[in-house]
Each structure stands twice: as structure tokens, then as C-alpha cells.
């Protein structure tokens, strides 16, 4: 009858070392998988936010309305075109803490059965504030200093943003109306730098329904 030989100390240490190595490797693989999933979810969220911003901007530009507005401390001091932006944009002090990219009047703001005391036109401002791209709206077209506004953050950590406007066959750095009386440009271009995406350039058609 053969006697079973137990593990020697050296063999036991080797076995424990191998087990420890395999365990560490397994933990490392699991950590990489978890981190990879987190990065994927973060990236997916960033892409979705970008797509939502593009969808809102596209909808605004395809619903332009030829309605200028009046702005100022009392809401009567200055007339601002239905669409204005870039180098041609001159506004009263309605957004002193932000860089306004462009402003527009759009239609299609549903008000079923006239349930609220407002028009179906809406004034929209796109601006940069605290490194965020913001879509600012207000309940009334003409605005005084105390007119309430609603800010919707579209994108965060925007390093910079530039706009250009296609008008009469040329891209321009500013817009305040066309010679043919059209209330907006033929297209808008926005360039911005975002973490994870780098420099982005998007072109959007603009027209009056």
C-alpha cells in the first residue's frame, strides 16, 4: 500500500503564488470590463446630448418667422431683426453675462386652444455662458429688462464656438437680413470644440415654412 505524500512547503508556496496571480489577473480583467462599460455609457450619453442639440437647432431654423422684436429696459427701445447673429448682432443689454451667437423668431410653438396668454411664435437665443451652449427662450416676443427667460443647457464644456451664415451665395461672419427681404440666412454653420470630439463643424439649412 502506497502512502500519499502531502505537499511540501515549497509546492504549497508555488500553488498559492499561482492562485494569487490568477486571482489578480481576473480582478484586472473585471476592472477593465467595468471601466470599459462606464466609458461606453459616458460616450453614448455625450453623443445623445449632441444629437439632441442638433435636433433642436435644426427645428428652430426650419421654422423661422419674419417677425422682428423690440427689446430694451421697457421693451420698446430697440428693434431687433427676426434673425440676427455674429458680427452683425447688436442687442440691448439683455444678456450681459454671455456671448450671444444668434437670435431668431420661430413659429410652430403650439398653444392648444389658446390655453396660455402667448403667441405661437417664440423668440429664441443661442448663447455661450460658463462654457455651456444654451438655448434661451421667453414667453413673449417683445422683451423688457424684467421679462423672464428659460435657459436650456444643450452642451457643456464648450471650449469655443463660432458661427457663419450663408447669404446670397456667400458665407459671412454676421447676418442681419438679406436684400431680398428674407427673414433669415439660407444656412447656418456652427463650429465648436468639445472634449472627446475635437473640432466639430455642422451646417444647417434655414427657411421660412
N, C-alpha and C. Protein backbone atom coordinates (compact mmCIF):
# COMPACT_ATOMS: atom_id res chain seq x y z
N UNK A 1 0.86 -1.19 0.00
CA UNK A 1 0.00 0.00 0.00
C UNK A 1 0.89 1.24 0.00
N UNK A 2 0.61 2.12 -1.01
CA UNK A 2 1.45 3.31 -1.14
C UNK A 2 0.90 4.41 -0.24
N UNK A 3 1.77 5.08 0.41
CA UNK A 3 1.38 6.20 1.26
C UNK A 3 1.28 7.47 0.40
N UNK A 4 0.20 8.26 0.59
CA UNK A 4 0.06 9.52 -0.13
C UNK A 4 0.95 10.57 0.50
N UNK A 5 1.69 11.23 -0.41
CA UNK A 5 2.62 12.25 0.06
C UNK A 5 1.94 13.61 0.01
N UNK A 6 1.99 14.37 1.09
CA UNK A 6 1.41 15.71 1.12
C UNK A 6 2.30 16.71 0.40
N UNK A 7 1.78 17.92 0.24
CA UNK A 7 2.54 18.98 -0.42
C UNK A 7 3.66 19.46 0.49
N UNK A 8 4.78 19.69 -0.13
CA UNK A 8 5.88 20.29 0.63
C UNK A 8 5.61 21.78 0.77
N UNK A 9 6.36 22.45 1.61
CA UNK A 9 6.19 23.88 1.82
C UNK A 9 6.44 24.65 0.53
N UNK A 10 7.46 24.23 -0.21
CA UNK A 10 7.78 24.91 -1.47
C UNK A 10 6.63 24.78 -2.45
N UNK A 11 6.10 23.54 -2.57
CA UNK A 11 4.99 23.32 -3.50
C UNK A 11 3.76 24.13 -3.09
N UNK A 12 3.53 24.22 -1.78
CA UNK A 12 2.39 25.00 -1.29
C UNK A 12 2.54 26.47 -1.62
N UNK A 13 3.76 26.99 -1.45
CA UNK A 13 4.01 28.40 -1.76
C UNK A 13 3.84 28.68 -3.25
N UNK A 14 4.32 27.74 -4.07
CA UNK A 14 4.16 27.89 -5.52
C UNK A 14 2.68 27.90 -5.90
N UNK A 15 1.91 26.97 -5.31
CA UNK A 15 0.48 26.89 -5.61
C UNK A 15 -0.24 28.17 -5.20
N UNK A 16 0.11 28.68 -4.02
CA UNK A 16 -0.51 29.92 -3.56
C UNK A 16 -0.14 31.09 -4.47
N UNK A 17 1.11 31.10 -4.94
CA UNK A 17 1.54 32.16 -5.85
C UNK A 17 0.78 32.14 -7.15
N UNK A 18 0.62 30.92 -7.71
CA UNK A 18 -0.13 30.79 -8.97
C UNK A 18 -1.57 31.23 -8.77
N UNK A 19 -2.17 30.81 -7.65
CA UNK A 19 -3.55 31.19 -7.37
C UNK A 19 -3.69 32.70 -7.23
N UNK A 20 -2.72 33.31 -6.54
CA UNK A 20 -2.76 34.77 -6.38
C UNK A 20 -2.62 35.48 -7.71
N UNK A 21 -1.74 34.97 -8.59
CA UNK A 21 -1.56 35.58 -9.91
C UNK A 21 -2.84 35.50 -10.73
N UNK A 22 -3.45 34.30 -10.73
CA UNK A 22 -4.69 34.12 -11.49
C UNK A 22 -5.80 35.02 -10.94
N UNK A 23 -5.88 35.12 -9.60
CA UNK A 23 -6.90 35.97 -9.00
C UNK A 23 -6.69 37.44 -9.37
N UNK A 24 -5.43 37.89 -9.31
CA UNK A 24 -5.13 39.28 -9.66
C UNK A 24 -5.47 39.56 -11.12
N UNK A 25 -5.12 38.60 -11.98
CA UNK A 25 -5.42 38.77 -13.41
C UNK A 25 -6.93 38.84 -13.64
N UNK A 26 -7.67 37.99 -12.92
CA UNK A 26 -9.13 38.00 -13.07
C UNK A 26 -9.72 39.32 -12.62
N UNK A 27 -9.23 39.84 -11.49
CA UNK A 27 -9.70 41.14 -10.99
C UNK A 27 -9.37 42.24 -11.99
N UNK A 28 -8.17 42.17 -12.57
CA UNK A 28 -7.78 43.18 -13.56
C UNK A 28 -8.67 43.17 -14.78
N UNK A 29 -8.97 41.97 -15.27
CA UNK A 29 -9.86 41.85 -16.44
C UNK A 29 -11.24 42.39 -16.10
N UNK A 30 -11.75 42.05 -14.90
CA UNK A 30 -13.07 42.53 -14.49
C UNK A 30 -13.08 44.05 -14.37
N UNK A 31 -12.01 44.62 -13.81
CA UNK A 31 -11.93 46.07 -13.67
C UNK A 31 -11.92 46.75 -15.03
N UNK A 32 -11.14 46.18 -15.97
CA UNK A 32 -11.12 46.74 -17.33
C UNK A 32 -12.49 46.69 -17.97
N UNK A 33 -13.20 45.58 -17.75
CA UNK A 33 -14.53 45.45 -18.34
C UNK A 33 -15.49 46.48 -17.77
N UNK A 34 -15.44 46.68 -16.43
CA UNK A 34 -16.31 47.66 -15.79
C UNK A 34 -15.98 49.07 -16.26
N UNK A 35 -14.67 49.39 -16.30
CA UNK A 35 -14.26 50.72 -16.77
C UNK A 35 -14.66 50.93 -18.23
N UNK A 36 -14.50 49.89 -19.03
CA UNK A 36 -14.88 50.00 -20.44
C UNK A 36 -16.36 50.25 -20.60
N UNK A 37 -17.18 49.58 -19.78
CA UNK A 37 -18.62 49.79 -19.84
C UNK A 37 -18.97 51.21 -19.42
N UNK A 38 -18.29 51.72 -18.37
CA UNK A 38 -18.55 53.09 -17.91
C UNK A 38 -18.19 54.10 -18.99
N UNK A 39 -17.03 53.88 -19.65
CA UNK A 39 -16.62 54.79 -20.72
C UNK A 39 -17.60 54.75 -21.88
N UNK A 40 -18.09 53.55 -22.19
CA UNK A 40 -19.05 53.42 -23.29
C UNK A 40 -20.34 54.16 -22.96
N UNK A 41 -20.82 54.02 -21.72
CA UNK A 41 -22.05 54.70 -21.32
C UNK A 41 -21.85 56.21 -21.36
N UNK A 42 -20.68 56.69 -20.90
CA UNK A 42 -20.39 58.12 -20.92
C UNK A 42 -20.36 58.64 -22.35
N UNK A 43 -19.70 57.90 -23.22
CA UNK A 43 -19.61 58.31 -24.62
C UNK A 43 -20.98 58.32 -25.29
N UNK A 44 -21.78 57.31 -24.98
CA UNK A 44 -23.13 57.25 -25.54
C UNK A 44 -23.95 58.45 -25.10
N UNK A 45 -23.83 58.83 -23.83
CA UNK A 45 -24.56 59.98 -23.31
C UNK A 45 -24.12 61.26 -24.01
N UNK A 46 -22.81 61.41 -24.25
CA UNK A 46 -22.30 62.60 -24.93
C UNK A 46 -22.84 62.68 -26.35
N UNK A 47 -22.87 61.55 -27.05
CA UNK A 47 -23.39 61.53 -28.42
C UNK A 47 -24.87 61.88 -28.43
N UNK A 48 -25.62 61.36 -27.47
CA UNK A 48 -27.06 61.64 -27.41
C UNK A 48 -27.32 63.12 -27.14
N UNK A 49 -26.53 63.73 -26.26
CA UNK A 49 -26.69 65.16 -25.98
C UNK A 49 -26.39 65.98 -27.24
N UNK A 50 -25.36 65.59 -27.97
CA UNK A 50 -25.02 66.29 -29.20
C UNK A 50 -26.14 66.17 -30.22
N UNK A 51 -26.72 64.99 -30.34
CA UNK A 51 -27.80 64.78 -31.30
C UNK A 51 -29.05 65.57 -30.90
N UNK A 52 -29.33 65.66 -29.59
CA UNK A 52 -30.48 66.44 -29.14
C UNK A 52 -30.29 67.92 -29.46
N UNK A 53 -29.07 68.41 -29.25
CA UNK A 53 -28.78 69.82 -29.56
C UNK A 53 -28.96 70.08 -31.05
N UNK A 54 -28.47 69.18 -31.88
CA UNK A 54 -28.62 69.34 -33.32
C UNK A 54 -30.08 69.32 -33.74
N UNK A 55 -30.87 68.44 -33.13
CA UNK A 55 -32.28 68.34 -33.48
C UNK A 55 -33.03 69.63 -33.13
N UNK A 56 -32.75 70.20 -31.96
CA UNK A 56 -33.40 71.44 -31.57
C UNK A 56 -33.02 72.58 -32.50
N UNK A 57 -31.73 72.68 -32.80
CA UNK A 57 -31.25 73.74 -33.68
C UNK A 57 -31.86 73.61 -35.07
N UNK A 58 -31.91 72.38 -35.57
CA UNK A 58 -32.50 72.15 -36.90
C UNK A 58 -33.97 72.55 -36.91
N UNK A 59 -34.71 72.18 -35.87
CA UNK A 59 -36.13 72.52 -35.80
C UNK A 59 -36.35 74.03 -35.75
N UNK A 60 -35.52 74.73 -34.99
CA UNK A 60 -35.65 76.19 -34.91
C UNK A 60 -35.41 76.84 -36.27
N UNK A 61 -34.38 76.39 -36.98
CA UNK A 61 -34.01 77.02 -38.24
C UNK A 61 -34.99 76.70 -39.36
N UNK A 62 -35.72 75.61 -39.24
CA UNK A 62 -36.70 75.26 -40.27
C UNK A 62 -38.08 75.85 -39.99
N UNK A 63 -38.18 76.64 -38.89
CA UNK A 63 -39.46 77.26 -38.54
C UNK A 63 -39.30 78.78 -38.39
N UNK A 64 -38.38 79.38 -39.12
CA UNK A 64 -38.15 80.82 -38.99
C UNK A 64 -39.41 81.60 -39.33
N UNK A 65 -39.65 82.65 -38.56
CA UNK A 65 -40.81 83.52 -38.78
C UNK A 65 -40.32 84.95 -38.99
N UNK A 66 -40.90 85.68 -39.95
CA UNK A 66 -40.44 87.04 -40.27
C UNK A 66 -40.99 88.09 -39.31
N UNK A 67 -40.74 87.90 -38.05
CA UNK A 67 -41.28 88.81 -37.03
C UNK A 67 -40.14 89.40 -36.21
N UNK A 68 -39.77 90.69 -36.47
CA UNK A 68 -38.78 91.34 -35.61
C UNK A 68 -39.36 91.58 -34.23
N UNK A 69 -38.50 91.90 -33.28
CA UNK A 69 -38.96 92.13 -31.91
C UNK A 69 -38.39 93.44 -31.40
N UNK A 70 -38.97 93.90 -30.31
CA UNK A 70 -38.46 95.10 -29.65
C UNK A 70 -37.92 94.70 -28.29
N UNK A 71 -36.77 95.27 -27.95
CA UNK A 71 -36.11 94.94 -26.69
C UNK A 71 -35.56 96.20 -26.04
N UNK A 72 -35.23 96.09 -24.78
CA UNK A 72 -34.68 97.20 -24.03
C UNK A 72 -35.25 97.22 -22.64
N UNK A 73 -34.85 98.19 -21.81
CA UNK A 73 -35.34 98.24 -20.43
C UNK A 73 -36.86 98.21 -20.31
N UNK A 74 -37.55 98.89 -21.23
CA UNK A 74 -39.01 98.89 -21.18
C UNK A 74 -39.63 98.02 -22.24
N UNK A 75 -38.78 97.43 -23.11
CA UNK A 75 -39.28 96.60 -24.19
C UNK A 75 -39.63 97.38 -25.44
N UNK A 76 -39.24 98.66 -25.50
CA UNK A 76 -39.60 99.49 -26.65
C UNK A 76 -38.40 100.24 -27.24
N UNK A 77 -37.23 100.10 -26.66
CA UNK A 77 -36.11 100.95 -27.05
C UNK A 77 -35.50 100.61 -28.41
N UNK A 78 -35.38 99.33 -28.74
CA UNK A 78 -34.66 98.95 -29.96
C UNK A 78 -35.38 97.82 -30.67
N UNK A 79 -35.39 97.91 -32.00
CA UNK A 79 -35.95 96.82 -32.79
C UNK A 79 -34.83 95.90 -33.24
N UNK A 80 -35.02 94.61 -33.03
CA UNK A 80 -34.03 93.60 -33.41
C UNK A 80 -34.65 92.77 -34.53
N UNK A 81 -33.89 92.50 -35.61
CA UNK A 81 -34.45 91.73 -36.74
C UNK A 81 -34.96 90.36 -36.31
N UNK A 82 -35.78 89.79 -37.18
CA UNK A 82 -36.31 88.45 -36.90
C UNK A 82 -35.18 87.46 -36.69
N UNK A 83 -34.09 87.62 -37.45
CA UNK A 83 -32.90 86.78 -37.29
C UNK A 83 -31.69 87.69 -37.35
N UNK A 84 -30.78 87.52 -36.42
CA UNK A 84 -29.53 88.28 -36.43
C UNK A 84 -28.48 87.47 -35.70
N UNK A 85 -27.23 87.61 -36.14
CA UNK A 85 -26.18 86.85 -35.47
C UNK A 85 -24.80 87.26 -35.89
N UNK A 86 -23.82 86.78 -35.14
CA UNK A 86 -22.43 87.02 -35.46
C UNK A 86 -22.05 88.48 -35.36
N UNK A 87 -21.21 88.92 -36.31
CA UNK A 87 -20.68 90.28 -36.28
C UNK A 87 -21.75 91.34 -36.46
N UNK A 88 -22.90 90.97 -37.04
CA UNK A 88 -23.97 91.94 -37.27
C UNK A 88 -24.97 92.02 -36.12
N UNK A 89 -24.71 91.28 -35.06
CA UNK A 89 -25.68 91.22 -33.96
C UNK A 89 -25.47 92.38 -33.01
N UNK A 90 -26.50 93.19 -32.85
CA UNK A 90 -26.48 94.30 -31.90
C UNK A 90 -27.71 94.16 -31.02
N UNK A 91 -27.47 93.95 -29.73
CA UNK A 91 -28.57 93.73 -28.80
C UNK A 91 -28.50 94.73 -27.65
N UNK A 92 -29.64 95.11 -27.09
CA UNK A 92 -29.62 95.81 -25.81
C UNK A 92 -29.01 94.90 -24.75
N UNK A 93 -28.81 95.41 -23.58
CA UNK A 93 -28.16 94.64 -22.52
C UNK A 93 -29.10 93.60 -21.94
N UNK A 94 -29.50 92.64 -22.78
CA UNK A 94 -30.40 91.58 -22.30
C UNK A 94 -29.64 90.32 -21.92
N UNK A 95 -28.36 90.23 -22.30
CA UNK A 95 -27.55 89.06 -21.94
C UNK A 95 -26.12 89.52 -21.67
N UNK A 96 -25.92 90.37 -20.66
CA UNK A 96 -24.59 90.95 -20.43
C UNK A 96 -23.56 89.95 -19.94
N UNK A 97 -23.99 88.81 -19.42
CA UNK A 97 -23.07 87.84 -18.85
C UNK A 97 -22.77 86.69 -19.79
N UNK A 98 -23.09 86.83 -21.08
CA UNK A 98 -22.95 85.72 -22.01
C UNK A 98 -22.54 86.23 -23.38
N UNK A 99 -22.06 85.32 -24.20
CA UNK A 99 -21.74 85.62 -25.60
C UNK A 99 -22.89 85.11 -26.46
N UNK A 100 -23.65 86.03 -27.03
CA UNK A 100 -24.79 85.65 -27.86
C UNK A 100 -24.29 85.29 -29.26
N UNK A 101 -24.66 84.11 -29.74
CA UNK A 101 -24.25 83.67 -31.07
C UNK A 101 -25.23 84.14 -32.14
N UNK A 102 -26.52 83.92 -31.91
CA UNK A 102 -27.54 84.40 -32.83
C UNK A 102 -28.90 84.35 -32.14
N UNK A 103 -29.84 85.11 -32.70
CA UNK A 103 -31.20 85.16 -32.18
C UNK A 103 -32.16 84.96 -33.34
N UNK A 104 -33.33 84.43 -33.05
CA UNK A 104 -34.30 84.20 -34.12
C UNK A 104 -35.71 84.16 -33.55
N UNK A 105 -36.66 84.40 -34.45
CA UNK A 105 -38.07 84.18 -34.14
C UNK A 105 -38.53 82.96 -34.91
N UNK A 106 -39.17 82.05 -34.23
CA UNK A 106 -39.62 80.82 -34.87
C UNK A 106 -41.12 80.63 -34.64
N UNK A 107 -41.74 79.91 -35.56
CA UNK A 107 -43.14 79.55 -35.41
C UNK A 107 -43.28 78.14 -34.90
N UNK A 108 -44.51 77.64 -34.93
CA UNK A 108 -44.73 76.26 -34.54
C UNK A 108 -44.72 76.00 -33.05
N UNK A 109 -44.79 77.07 -32.23
CA UNK A 109 -44.82 76.90 -30.78
C UNK A 109 -46.28 76.67 -30.39
N UNK A 110 -46.64 75.43 -30.26
CA UNK A 110 -48.04 75.07 -30.10
C UNK A 110 -48.65 75.66 -28.83
N UNK A 111 -49.87 76.16 -28.98
CA UNK A 111 -50.63 76.71 -27.86
C UNK A 111 -52.08 76.24 -28.01
N UNK A 112 -52.34 74.95 -27.72
CA UNK A 112 -53.67 74.37 -27.97
C UNK A 112 -54.80 75.15 -27.30
N UNK A 113 -55.81 75.49 -28.10
CA UNK A 113 -56.99 76.20 -27.60
C UNK A 113 -56.64 77.53 -26.93
N UNK A 114 -55.47 78.07 -27.29
CA UNK A 114 -55.02 79.35 -26.70
C UNK A 114 -55.06 79.27 -25.17
N UNK A 115 -54.59 78.14 -24.66
CA UNK A 115 -54.66 77.90 -23.21
C UNK A 115 -53.79 78.86 -22.43
N UNK A 116 -52.73 79.37 -23.06
CA UNK A 116 -51.83 80.29 -22.36
C UNK A 116 -51.84 81.64 -23.08
N UNK A 117 -51.65 82.72 -22.31
CA UNK A 117 -51.68 84.06 -22.91
C UNK A 117 -50.39 84.37 -23.66
N UNK A 118 -50.17 83.71 -24.78
CA UNK A 118 -48.97 83.93 -25.57
C UNK A 118 -49.26 83.60 -27.02
N UNK A 119 -48.37 84.05 -27.88
CA UNK A 119 -48.49 83.76 -29.31
C UNK A 119 -47.91 82.38 -29.61
N UNK A 120 -48.11 81.94 -30.85
CA UNK A 120 -47.50 80.68 -31.27
C UNK A 120 -46.13 80.93 -31.90
N UNK A 121 -45.66 82.16 -31.82
CA UNK A 121 -44.30 82.49 -32.20
C UNK A 121 -43.44 82.55 -30.94
N UNK A 122 -42.16 82.25 -31.10
CA UNK A 122 -41.27 82.20 -29.94
C UNK A 122 -39.93 82.84 -30.30
N UNK A 123 -39.41 83.61 -29.37
CA UNK A 123 -38.08 84.21 -29.54
C UNK A 123 -37.06 83.28 -28.90
N UNK A 124 -36.02 82.95 -29.67
CA UNK A 124 -35.00 82.00 -29.22
C UNK A 124 -33.63 82.64 -29.35
N UNK A 125 -32.81 82.49 -28.33
CA UNK A 125 -31.44 82.99 -28.34
C UNK A 125 -30.49 81.82 -28.09
N UNK A 126 -29.47 81.71 -28.92
CA UNK A 126 -28.40 80.73 -28.69
C UNK A 126 -27.18 81.49 -28.19
N UNK A 127 -26.64 81.04 -27.07
CA UNK A 127 -25.54 81.77 -26.46
C UNK A 127 -24.59 80.83 -25.74
N UNK A 128 -23.41 81.36 -25.45
CA UNK A 128 -22.41 80.67 -24.64
C UNK A 128 -22.34 81.34 -23.28
N UNK A 129 -22.44 80.54 -22.24
CA UNK A 129 -22.37 81.06 -20.89
C UNK A 129 -21.74 80.00 -20.00
N UNK A 130 -20.69 80.38 -19.29
CA UNK A 130 -19.99 79.44 -18.39
C UNK A 130 -19.62 78.15 -19.12
N UNK A 131 -19.07 78.29 -20.33
CA UNK A 131 -18.61 77.15 -21.15
C UNK A 131 -19.74 76.20 -21.52
N UNK A 132 -20.95 76.70 -21.59
CA UNK A 132 -22.09 75.87 -21.98
C UNK A 132 -22.82 76.52 -23.15
N UNK A 133 -23.28 75.69 -24.08
CA UNK A 133 -24.15 76.17 -25.16
C UNK A 133 -25.58 76.13 -24.65
N UNK A 134 -26.23 77.28 -24.66
CA UNK A 134 -27.55 77.42 -24.04
C UNK A 134 -28.56 77.90 -25.08
N UNK A 135 -29.74 77.33 -25.01
CA UNK A 135 -30.89 77.80 -25.79
C UNK A 135 -31.82 78.53 -24.84
N UNK A 136 -31.94 79.83 -25.04
CA UNK A 136 -32.73 80.66 -24.13
C UNK A 136 -34.03 81.07 -24.81
N UNK A 137 -35.14 80.89 -24.13
CA UNK A 137 -36.45 81.28 -24.66
C UNK A 137 -37.15 82.17 -23.65
N UNK A 138 -38.22 82.83 -24.13
CA UNK A 138 -39.01 83.68 -23.26
C UNK A 138 -40.47 83.57 -23.67
N UNK A 139 -41.39 83.89 -22.77
CA UNK A 139 -42.81 83.68 -23.06
C UNK A 139 -43.41 84.72 -24.00
N UNK A 140 -42.73 85.86 -24.17
CA UNK A 140 -43.25 86.92 -25.02
C UNK A 140 -42.19 87.32 -26.05
N UNK A 141 -42.65 87.77 -27.21
CA UNK A 141 -41.70 88.15 -28.25
C UNK A 141 -40.94 89.42 -27.88
N UNK A 142 -41.65 90.49 -27.54
CA UNK A 142 -41.01 91.73 -27.14
C UNK A 142 -40.62 91.64 -25.67
N UNK A 143 -39.40 92.11 -25.36
CA UNK A 143 -38.85 91.86 -24.03
C UNK A 143 -38.41 93.15 -23.35
N UNK A 144 -38.77 93.27 -22.09
CA UNK A 144 -38.25 94.32 -21.23
C UNK A 144 -37.17 93.71 -20.33
N UNK A 145 -36.57 94.55 -19.51
CA UNK A 145 -35.47 94.08 -18.66
C UNK A 145 -35.92 92.99 -17.69
N UNK A 146 -37.18 93.04 -17.28
CA UNK A 146 -37.67 92.08 -16.29
C UNK A 146 -38.44 90.92 -16.91
N UNK A 147 -38.39 90.77 -18.24
CA UNK A 147 -39.07 89.64 -18.88
C UNK A 147 -38.38 88.34 -18.50
N UNK A 148 -39.09 87.37 -17.96
CA UNK A 148 -38.45 86.11 -17.56
C UNK A 148 -37.96 85.32 -18.77
N UNK A 149 -36.92 84.56 -18.56
CA UNK A 149 -36.38 83.70 -19.61
C UNK A 149 -36.17 82.30 -19.05
N UNK A 150 -36.09 81.34 -19.96
CA UNK A 150 -35.84 79.95 -19.58
C UNK A 150 -34.62 79.46 -20.33
N UNK A 151 -33.61 79.02 -19.59
CA UNK A 151 -32.37 78.54 -20.19
C UNK A 151 -32.35 77.02 -20.22
N UNK A 152 -32.02 76.48 -21.37
CA UNK A 152 -31.87 75.03 -21.55
C UNK A 152 -30.42 74.75 -21.95
N UNK A 153 -29.69 74.06 -21.10
CA UNK A 153 -28.29 73.73 -21.40
C UNK A 153 -28.27 72.60 -22.42
N UNK A 154 -27.70 72.87 -23.59
CA UNK A 154 -27.62 71.86 -24.64
C UNK A 154 -26.32 71.07 -24.57
N UNK A 155 -25.21 71.77 -24.41
CA UNK A 155 -23.90 71.13 -24.36
C UNK A 155 -23.05 71.81 -23.30
N UNK A 156 -22.22 71.04 -22.61
CA UNK A 156 -21.33 71.57 -21.60
C UNK A 156 -19.88 71.44 -22.04
N UNK A 157 -19.00 72.17 -21.35
CA UNK A 157 -17.56 72.13 -21.62
C UNK A 157 -17.24 72.52 -23.06
N UNK A 158 -17.98 73.49 -23.58
CA UNK A 158 -17.71 74.00 -24.92
C UNK A 158 -16.53 74.96 -24.83
N UNK A 159 -15.43 74.63 -25.49
CA UNK A 159 -14.23 75.45 -25.38
C UNK A 159 -14.36 76.74 -26.17
N UNK A 160 -14.99 76.70 -27.31
CA UNK A 160 -15.25 77.90 -28.09
C UNK A 160 -16.28 77.56 -29.15
N UNK A 161 -16.91 78.58 -29.69
CA UNK A 161 -17.91 78.37 -30.74
C UNK A 161 -17.90 79.56 -31.69
N UNK A 162 -18.04 79.28 -32.97
CA UNK A 162 -18.10 80.31 -33.99
C UNK A 162 -19.26 80.01 -34.92
N UNK A 163 -19.88 81.06 -35.45
CA UNK A 163 -21.00 80.88 -36.37
C UNK A 163 -20.73 81.63 -37.67
N UNK A 164 -21.30 81.12 -38.75
CA UNK A 164 -21.25 81.77 -40.06
C UNK A 164 -22.60 81.57 -40.72
N UNK A 165 -22.92 82.46 -41.67
CA UNK A 165 -24.25 82.48 -42.25
C UNK A 165 -24.14 82.53 -43.77
N UNK A 166 -24.86 81.63 -44.44
CA UNK A 166 -24.88 81.61 -45.90
C UNK A 166 -25.96 82.57 -46.37
N UNK A 167 -25.53 83.62 -47.05
CA UNK A 167 -26.46 84.65 -47.51
C UNK A 167 -26.04 85.11 -48.90
N UNK A 168 -26.98 85.03 -49.85
CA UNK A 168 -26.73 85.47 -51.22
C UNK A 168 -25.50 84.77 -51.81
N UNK A 169 -25.38 83.49 -51.51
CA UNK A 169 -24.34 82.67 -52.09
C UNK A 169 -22.98 82.75 -51.43
N UNK A 170 -22.85 83.48 -50.32
CA UNK A 170 -21.57 83.62 -49.65
C UNK A 170 -21.71 83.36 -48.15
N UNK A 171 -20.66 82.75 -47.57
CA UNK A 171 -20.62 82.58 -46.13
C UNK A 171 -20.11 83.86 -45.50
N UNK A 172 -20.84 84.37 -44.51
CA UNK A 172 -20.49 85.62 -43.85
C UNK A 172 -20.41 85.40 -42.34
N UNK A 173 -19.62 86.27 -41.68
CA UNK A 173 -19.47 86.12 -40.22
C UNK A 173 -20.56 86.84 -39.44
N UNK A 174 -21.48 87.48 -40.16
CA UNK A 174 -22.59 88.14 -39.49
C UNK A 174 -23.81 88.20 -40.38
N UNK A 175 -24.97 88.37 -39.78
CA UNK A 175 -26.21 88.43 -40.56
C UNK A 175 -27.22 89.30 -39.83
N UNK A 176 -27.89 90.18 -40.61
CA UNK A 176 -28.96 91.00 -40.05
C UNK A 176 -30.03 91.26 -41.10
N UNK A 177 -30.22 90.31 -42.01
CA UNK A 177 -31.22 90.46 -43.06
C UNK A 177 -30.60 90.35 -44.44
N UNK A 178 -31.42 89.98 -45.43
CA UNK A 178 -30.96 89.86 -46.80
C UNK A 178 -31.63 90.92 -47.67
N UNK A 179 -30.99 91.22 -48.80
CA UNK A 179 -31.53 92.23 -49.70
C UNK A 179 -32.90 91.84 -50.25
N UNK A 180 -33.16 90.53 -50.36
CA UNK A 180 -34.44 90.10 -50.91
C UNK A 180 -35.56 90.08 -49.86
N UNK A 181 -35.22 90.55 -48.65
CA UNK A 181 -36.23 90.62 -47.60
C UNK A 181 -36.43 89.35 -46.81
N UNK A 182 -35.67 88.32 -47.11
CA UNK A 182 -35.80 87.06 -46.37
C UNK A 182 -35.46 87.29 -44.90
N UNK A 183 -36.23 86.71 -43.98
CA UNK A 183 -36.02 86.95 -42.55
C UNK A 183 -34.81 86.25 -41.96
N UNK A 184 -34.22 85.33 -42.70
CA UNK A 184 -33.09 84.59 -42.17
C UNK A 184 -32.12 84.22 -43.27
N UNK A 185 -30.96 83.67 -42.91
CA UNK A 185 -29.99 83.23 -43.90
C UNK A 185 -30.48 81.97 -44.60
N UNK A 186 -29.76 81.58 -45.65
CA UNK A 186 -30.10 80.33 -46.33
C UNK A 186 -29.61 79.12 -45.55
N UNK A 187 -28.55 79.30 -44.79
CA UNK A 187 -28.00 78.21 -43.97
C UNK A 187 -27.16 78.82 -42.86
N UNK A 188 -26.93 78.02 -41.84
CA UNK A 188 -26.10 78.44 -40.71
C UNK A 188 -25.04 77.39 -40.48
N UNK A 189 -23.85 77.85 -40.16
CA UNK A 189 -22.73 76.96 -39.83
C UNK A 189 -22.26 77.27 -38.42
N UNK A 190 -22.11 76.25 -37.62
CA UNK A 190 -21.59 76.43 -36.27
C UNK A 190 -20.40 75.50 -36.07
N UNK A 191 -19.30 76.06 -35.59
CA UNK A 191 -18.09 75.30 -35.28
C UNK A 191 -17.81 75.44 -33.80
N UNK A 192 -17.49 74.33 -33.17
CA UNK A 192 -17.16 74.36 -31.75
C UNK A 192 -16.23 73.22 -31.40
N UNK A 193 -15.53 73.39 -30.30
CA UNK A 193 -14.60 72.37 -29.81
C UNK A 193 -15.18 71.75 -28.55
N UNK A 194 -15.31 70.41 -28.57
CA UNK A 194 -15.87 69.68 -27.45
C UNK A 194 -14.91 68.60 -27.00
N UNK A 195 -14.77 68.37 -25.69
CA UNK A 195 -13.94 67.27 -25.21
C UNK A 195 -14.44 65.94 -25.75
N UNK A 196 -13.53 65.12 -26.22
CA UNK A 196 -13.90 63.82 -26.75
C UNK A 196 -14.28 63.83 -28.21
N UNK A 197 -14.60 65.01 -28.75
CA UNK A 197 -14.97 65.12 -30.15
C UNK A 197 -13.99 65.95 -30.96
N UNK A 198 -13.30 66.86 -30.28
CA UNK A 198 -12.41 67.76 -31.00
C UNK A 198 -13.20 68.88 -31.66
N UNK A 199 -12.69 69.35 -32.78
CA UNK A 199 -13.33 70.45 -33.50
C UNK A 199 -14.45 69.90 -34.39
N UNK A 200 -15.66 70.41 -34.18
CA UNK A 200 -16.82 69.96 -34.95
C UNK A 200 -17.35 71.11 -35.79
N UNK A 201 -17.82 70.78 -36.98
CA UNK A 201 -18.48 71.76 -37.84
C UNK A 201 -19.78 71.18 -38.34
N UNK A 202 -20.87 71.91 -38.12
CA UNK A 202 -22.20 71.46 -38.53
C UNK A 202 -22.86 72.54 -39.38
N UNK A 203 -23.45 72.14 -40.50
CA UNK A 203 -24.20 73.05 -41.36
C UNK A 203 -25.68 72.71 -41.29
N UNK A 204 -26.52 73.75 -41.20
CA UNK A 204 -27.97 73.57 -41.10
C UNK A 204 -28.67 74.46 -42.12
N UNK A 205 -29.64 73.91 -42.82
CA UNK A 205 -30.48 74.71 -43.69
C UNK A 205 -31.43 75.56 -42.85
N UNK A 206 -31.78 76.73 -43.38
CA UNK A 206 -32.72 77.60 -42.69
C UNK A 206 -33.75 78.08 -43.70
N UNK A 207 -35.00 78.07 -43.30
CA UNK A 207 -36.03 78.56 -44.21
C UNK A 207 -37.31 78.89 -43.46
N UNK A 208 -38.13 79.67 -44.12
CA UNK A 208 -39.44 80.02 -43.58
C UNK A 208 -40.45 79.02 -44.12
N UNK A 209 -41.27 78.40 -43.27
CA UNK A 209 -42.27 77.44 -43.74
C UNK A 209 -43.22 78.05 -44.77
